[in-house]
Amino acid sequence: MSDARFQDGGEAPLRLVAQDAEDLKIISSLVQDAVLPVTELKYDARRRRFAMLVNRFRWEDRNEAEQVGRAYERVRSVLVVEDVRKVQSFGFDRAEKDLVVSLLSISFEPGEDGTGRVILTVAGDGAVALDVEALEARLDDVTRPYRAPSGKVPTHD
């Protein structure tokens, strides 16, 4: 069996922006169960930008894959959060270069005057907290979809 191609799905890569908590819920649902090595968590303090390159399950393609009997897919995507003032990680060591984490959800805790905290929750009771001036997050698919290595839908056993 060969890898999936963009043309097979008939869909363009995702390019989404979140500027409020409701928008962020949509992005969160699309990156649920994305996996990434901790080395792909990057904070550029000078630009006040936090970015991560993830391998996300293509939830938006799940039903079609099941209907036509095609393999489930993943795609590499970049998640960028702008106007980040501070980054903290909890429950895992970002210095552990071989560690791979699974992203479970993204949420926003509003503060005063548009500020707040973006929480990236990872499996194993870990999290990354991003203190932001204002909520602005982007999710961009950057590769063609590929066959999910496990061949299965992610589960939370």
Protein backbone atom coordinates (compact mmCIF):
# COMPACT_ATOMS: atom_id res chain seq x y z
CA MET A 1 0.00 0.00 0.00
CA SER A 2 1.35 3.47 -0.86
CA ASP A 3 1.25 6.64 1.21
CA ALA A 4 -1.73 8.92 0.83
CA ARG A 5 -1.49 11.96 -1.41
CA PHE A 6 -3.14 15.39 -1.00
CA GLN A 7 -5.02 14.79 -4.25
CA ASP A 8 -6.54 11.59 -2.82
CA GLY A 9 -8.32 13.47 -0.05
CA GLY A 10 -9.36 16.31 -2.31
CA GLU A 11 -8.67 18.79 0.47
CA ALA A 12 -6.24 21.64 0.78
CA PRO A 13 -3.88 21.86 3.75
CA LEU A 14 -5.40 23.43 6.87
CA ARG A 15 -4.57 27.07 7.56
CA LEU A 16 -6.44 28.26 10.66
CA VAL A 17 -6.20 31.25 12.99
CA ALA A 18 -7.58 31.50 16.54
CA GLN A 19 -8.15 34.88 18.15
CA ASP A 20 -10.53 33.84 20.90
CA ALA A 21 -11.22 30.84 23.11
CA GLU A 22 -13.92 29.47 20.79
CA ASP A 23 -11.55 29.55 17.79
CA LEU A 24 -8.89 27.84 19.89
CA LYS A 25 -11.29 24.96 20.68
CA ILE A 26 -11.43 24.16 16.97
CA ILE A 27 -7.65 24.08 16.67
CA SER A 28 -7.47 22.01 19.87
CA SER A 29 -9.80 19.38 18.41
CA LEU A 30 -7.63 19.12 15.29
CA VAL A 31 -4.33 18.71 17.17
CA GLN A 32 -5.70 16.27 19.75
CA ASP A 33 -3.32 13.29 19.93
CA ALA A 34 -0.61 15.03 17.89
CA VAL A 35 2.84 13.70 18.74
CA LEU A 36 6.14 15.53 18.74
CA PRO A 37 9.63 15.31 20.21
CA VAL A 38 10.23 17.95 22.89
CA THR A 39 13.00 19.28 20.67
CA GLU A 40 10.20 20.65 18.42
CA LEU A 41 8.96 23.01 21.17
CA LYS A 42 10.58 26.37 20.34
CA TYR A 43 10.31 29.75 22.03
CA ASP A 44 11.76 32.84 20.37
CA ALA A 45 11.76 35.40 23.21
CA ARG A 46 12.91 38.24 20.95
CA ARG A 47 9.96 37.73 18.59
CA ARG A 48 7.68 36.67 21.45
CA ARG A 49 6.67 33.61 19.44
CA PHE A 50 6.19 29.99 20.56
CA ALA A 51 6.08 27.33 17.85
CA MET A 52 5.84 23.58 17.69
CA LEU A 53 6.07 21.15 14.79
CA VAL A 54 3.60 18.33 15.38
CA ASN A 55 2.53 15.13 13.66
CA ARG A 56 -1.22 15.41 13.93
CA PHE A 57 -3.88 12.82 13.25
CA ARG A 58 -6.20 14.07 10.46
CA TRP A 59 -9.45 14.03 12.46
CA GLU A 60 -11.16 15.95 9.65
CA ASP A 61 -10.49 12.99 7.31
CA ARG A 62 -11.40 10.14 9.67
CA ASN A 63 -14.96 9.51 8.45
CA GLU A 64 -14.04 9.57 4.78
CA ALA A 65 -11.12 7.18 5.37
CA GLU A 66 -13.50 4.77 7.12
CA GLN A 67 -16.18 5.07 4.42
CA VAL A 68 -13.85 4.32 1.53
CA GLY A 69 -11.63 1.87 3.42
CA ARG A 70 -8.53 4.05 3.12
CA ALA A 71 -5.76 4.20 5.70
CA TYR A 72 -5.95 6.82 8.44
CA GLU A 73 -3.60 9.74 7.93
CA ARG A 74 -1.34 12.09 9.83
CA VAL A 75 0.17 15.36 8.62
CA ARG A 76 2.96 17.54 9.93
CA SER A 77 1.66 20.89 11.09
CA VAL A 78 3.10 23.98 12.71
CA LEU A 79 1.26 25.49 15.66
CA VAL A 80 2.37 29.06 16.40
CA VAL A 81 1.31 31.25 19.32
CA GLU A 82 2.15 34.97 19.05
CA ASP A 83 2.69 37.68 21.71
CA VAL A 84 4.08 35.21 24.25
CA ARG A 85 5.60 36.86 27.32
CA LYS A 86 6.54 33.76 29.31
CA VAL A 87 6.76 29.98 28.82
CA GLN A 88 6.64 27.36 31.59
CA SER A 89 6.57 23.58 31.32
CA PHE A 90 5.25 21.19 33.94
CA GLY A 91 5.34 17.40 34.34
CA PHE A 92 8.16 16.70 31.87
CA ASP A 93 11.74 17.75 31.22
CA ARG A 94 12.15 19.79 28.01
CA ALA A 95 15.90 19.12 28.22
CA GLU A 96 15.30 15.35 27.73
CA LYS A 97 16.08 15.34 23.99
CA ASP A 98 14.67 11.84 23.27
CA LEU A 99 11.29 12.50 24.90
CA VAL A 100 8.21 12.34 22.64
CA VAL A 101 5.00 13.90 23.95
CA SER A 102 1.39 13.57 22.89
CA LEU A 103 -0.69 16.75 22.82
CA LEU A 104 -4.12 16.21 24.37
CA SER A 105 -5.67 19.69 24.28
CA ILE A 106 -5.17 23.43 24.06
CA SER A 107 -7.15 25.84 26.20
CA PHE A 108 -7.17 29.55 27.05
CA GLU A 109 -7.53 31.09 30.50
CA PRO A 110 -8.39 34.77 30.04
CA GLY A 111 -6.70 37.43 32.14
CA GLU A 112 -7.25 41.17 32.26
CA ASP A 113 -7.51 43.41 29.18
CA GLY A 114 -7.17 40.62 26.60
CA THR A 115 -4.15 38.95 28.23
CA GLY A 116 -4.26 35.35 29.33
CA ARG A 117 -2.64 31.96 29.39
CA VAL A 118 -2.64 29.31 26.68
CA ILE A 119 -2.35 25.83 28.20
CA LEU A 120 -1.01 22.98 26.05
CA THR A 121 -1.85 19.78 27.94
CA VAL A 122 0.23 16.70 27.13
CA ALA A 123 -0.24 13.05 28.12
CA GLY A 124 1.21 12.02 31.48
CA ASP A 125 -0.01 15.06 33.44
CA GLY A 126 2.30 17.47 31.63
CA ALA A 127 1.61 20.94 30.30
CA VAL A 128 3.17 23.97 28.70
CA ALA A 129 1.78 27.33 29.85
CA LEU A 130 2.16 30.37 27.61
CA ASP A 131 1.42 33.78 29.10
CA VAL A 132 0.20 35.95 26.21
CA GLU A 133 -0.56 39.64 25.66
CA ALA A 134 -3.46 38.65 23.42
CA LEU A 135 -4.63 35.36 21.98
CA GLU A 136 -3.37 34.72 18.47
CA ALA A 137 -2.62 31.16 17.41
CA ARG A 138 -2.15 29.63 13.96
CA LEU A 139 -2.24 26.05 12.74
CA ASP A 140 -0.73 25.37 9.31
CA ASP A 141 -0.29 21.98 7.65
CA VAL A 142 3.22 21.95 6.17
CA THR A 143 3.50 18.51 4.54
CA ARG A 144 1.33 16.20 2.53
CA PRO A 145 -0.71 13.71 4.57
CA TYR A 146 0.93 10.37 5.16
CA ARG A 147 -0.35 7.00 6.29
CA ALA A 148 -0.64 6.88 10.10
CA PRO A 149 2.14 4.51 11.23
CA SER A 150 -0.11 2.72 13.73
CA GLY A 151 -2.91 2.39 11.18
CA LYS A 152 -5.35 3.16 14.00
CA VAL A 153 -7.40 5.99 15.44
CA PRO A 154 -5.74 7.36 18.61
CA THR A 155 -7.44 6.28 21.86
CA HIS A 156 -7.09 7.33 25.47
CA ASP A 157 -6.86 4.05 27.36
